[in-house]
C-alpha atoms as a PDB file:
ATOM      1  CA  UNK A   1     140.167 -95.859  83.259  1.00  0.00           C
ATOM      2  CA  UNK A   2     138.025 -93.443  85.114  1.00  0.00           C
ATOM      3  CA  UNK A   3     134.364 -93.090  84.354  1.00  0.00           C
ATOM      4  CA  UNK A   4     133.938 -89.531  82.559  1.00  0.00           C
ATOM      5  CA  UNK A   5     130.600 -89.407  85.089  1.00  0.00           C
ATOM      6  CA  UNK A   6     132.638 -89.376  88.356  1.00  0.00           C
ATOM      7  CA  UNK A   7     132.542 -86.967  90.325  1.00  0.00           C
ATOM      8  CA  UNK A   8     135.778 -85.240  91.891  1.00  0.00           C
ATOM      9  CA  UNK A   9     134.383 -85.505  95.531  1.00  0.00           C
ATOM     10  CA  UNK A  10     133.834 -89.444  94.620  1.00  0.00           C
ATOM     11  CA  UNK A  11     137.213 -89.657  93.323  1.00  0.00           C
ATOM     12  CA  UNK A  12     138.996 -88.238  96.619  1.00  0.00           C
ATOM     13  CA  UNK A  13     136.668 -90.716  98.403  1.00  0.00           C
ATOM     14  CA  UNK A  14     138.068 -93.621  96.451  1.00  0.00           C
ATOM     15  CA  UNK A  15     141.463 -92.596  97.095  1.00  0.00           C
ATOM     16  CA  UNK A  16     140.955 -92.193 100.293  1.00  0.00           C
ATOM     17  CA  UNK A  17     139.492 -95.449 100.902  1.00  0.00           C
ATOM     18  CA  UNK A  18     142.737 -97.084  99.009  1.00  0.00           C
ATOM     19  CA  UNK A  19     145.170 -95.212 100.945  1.00  0.00           C
ATOM     20  CA  UNK A  20     143.145 -96.623 104.299  1.00  0.00           C
ATOM     21  CA  UNK A  21     143.505-100.170 102.545  1.00  0.00           C
ATOM     22  CA  UNK A  22     146.553 -99.702 101.989  1.00  0.00           C
ATOM     23  CA  UNK A  23     147.796 -98.196 105.534  1.00  0.00           C
ATOM     24  CA  UNK A  24     145.631-101.202 107.594  1.00  0.00           C
ATOM     25  CA  UNK A  25     147.362-104.167 105.532  1.00  0.00           C
ATOM     26  CA  UNK A  26     144.292-105.363 104.155  1.00  0.00           C
ATOM     27  CA  UNK A  27     145.449-105.957 100.513  1.00  0.00           C
ATOM     28  CA  UNK A  28     147.639-109.067  99.263  1.00  0.00           C
ATOM     29  CA  UNK A  29     150.410-108.306  96.515  1.00  0.00           C
ATOM     30  CA  UNK A  30     147.811-108.460  93.575  1.00  0.00           C
ATOM     31  CA  UNK A  31     145.537-106.654  94.720  1.00  0.00           C
ATOM     32  CA  UNK A  32     147.687-103.440  96.088  1.00  0.00           C
ATOM     33  CA  UNK A  33     149.115-102.951  92.381  1.00  0.00           C
ATOM     34  CA  UNK A  34     145.617-103.073  91.033  1.00  0.00           C
ATOM     35  CA  UNK A  35     145.194-100.303  93.840  1.00  0.00           C
ATOM     36  CA  UNK A  36     147.591 -98.419  93.102  1.00  0.00           C
ATOM     37  CA  UNK A  37     147.271 -98.259  89.648  1.00  0.00           C
ATOM     38  CA  UNK A  38     143.244 -97.413  90.180  1.00  0.00           C
ATOM     39  CA  UNK A  39     144.728 -94.385  92.743  1.00  0.00           C
ATOM     40  CA  UNK A  40     147.190 -93.301  90.139  1.00  0.00           C
ATOM     41  CA  UNK A  41     144.472 -92.752  87.660  1.00  0.00           C
ATOM     42  CA  UNK A  42     142.002 -91.201  90.064  1.00  0.00           C
ATOM     43  CA  UNK A  43     144.739 -88.549  91.204  1.00  0.00           C
ATOM     44  CA  UNK A  44     145.313 -87.736  87.486  1.00  0.00           C
ATOM     45  CA  UNK A  45     141.684 -87.251  86.975  1.00  0.00           C
ATOM     46  CA  UNK A  46     141.901 -85.167  90.024  1.00  0.00           C
ATOM     47  CA  UNK A  47     144.120 -82.904  88.784  1.00  0.00           C
ATOM     48  CA  UNK A  48     143.107 -82.535  85.785  1.00  0.00           C
ATOM     49  CA  UNK A  49     139.881 -81.212  87.115  1.00  0.00           C
ATOM     50  CA  UNK A  50     141.510 -78.983  89.487  1.00  0.00           C
ATOM     51  CA  UNK A  51     143.399 -77.218  86.149  1.00  0.00           C
ATOM     52  CA  UNK A  52     140.124 -77.044  84.304  1.00  0.00           C
ATOM     53  CA  UNK A  53     138.654 -75.440  87.514  1.00  0.00           C
ATOM     54  CA  UNK A  54     141.730 -72.894  87.908  1.00  0.00           C
ATOM     55  CA  UNK A  55     141.395 -72.355  84.120  1.00  0.00           C
ATOM     56  CA  UNK A  56     137.695 -71.633  84.423  1.00  0.00           C
ATOM     57  CA  UNK A  57     137.867 -69.587  87.519  1.00  0.00           C
ATOM     58  CA  UNK A  58     140.656 -67.402  85.584  1.00  0.00           C
ATOM     59  CA  UNK A  59     138.662 -66.468  82.686  1.00  0.00           C
ATOM     60  CA  UNK A  60     135.595 -65.208  84.828  1.00  0.00           C
ATOM     61  CA  UNK A  61     137.905 -63.087  86.852  1.00  0.00           C
ATOM     62  CA  UNK A  62     139.303 -62.116  83.514  1.00  0.00           C
ATOM     63  CA  UNK A  63     135.837 -61.321  81.881  1.00  0.00           C
ATOM     64  CA  UNK A  64     134.695 -59.455  85.026  1.00  0.00           C
ATOM     65  CA  UNK A  65     137.931 -57.101  85.307  1.00  0.00           C
ATOM     66  CA  UNK A  66     137.339 -56.592  81.773  1.00  0.00           C
ATOM     67  CA  UNK A  67     133.847 -55.412  82.118  1.00  0.00           C
ATOM     68  CA  UNK A  68     135.231 -52.472  84.200  1.00  0.00           C
END
């Protein structure tokens, strides 16, 4: 599970590191399964963060438009 204190940029960096390890064939099959699972968790976390940020931005824009 992704730690709640991890930042989006840290999650993306970890995903990039995992992709690099996979592409360079650094992982055996056991590690590969674990890393794929971790990357999936991180990507899910990033998707949720992006969705949340989009909603917040839309709310701010709506508030600004309502003020005018």
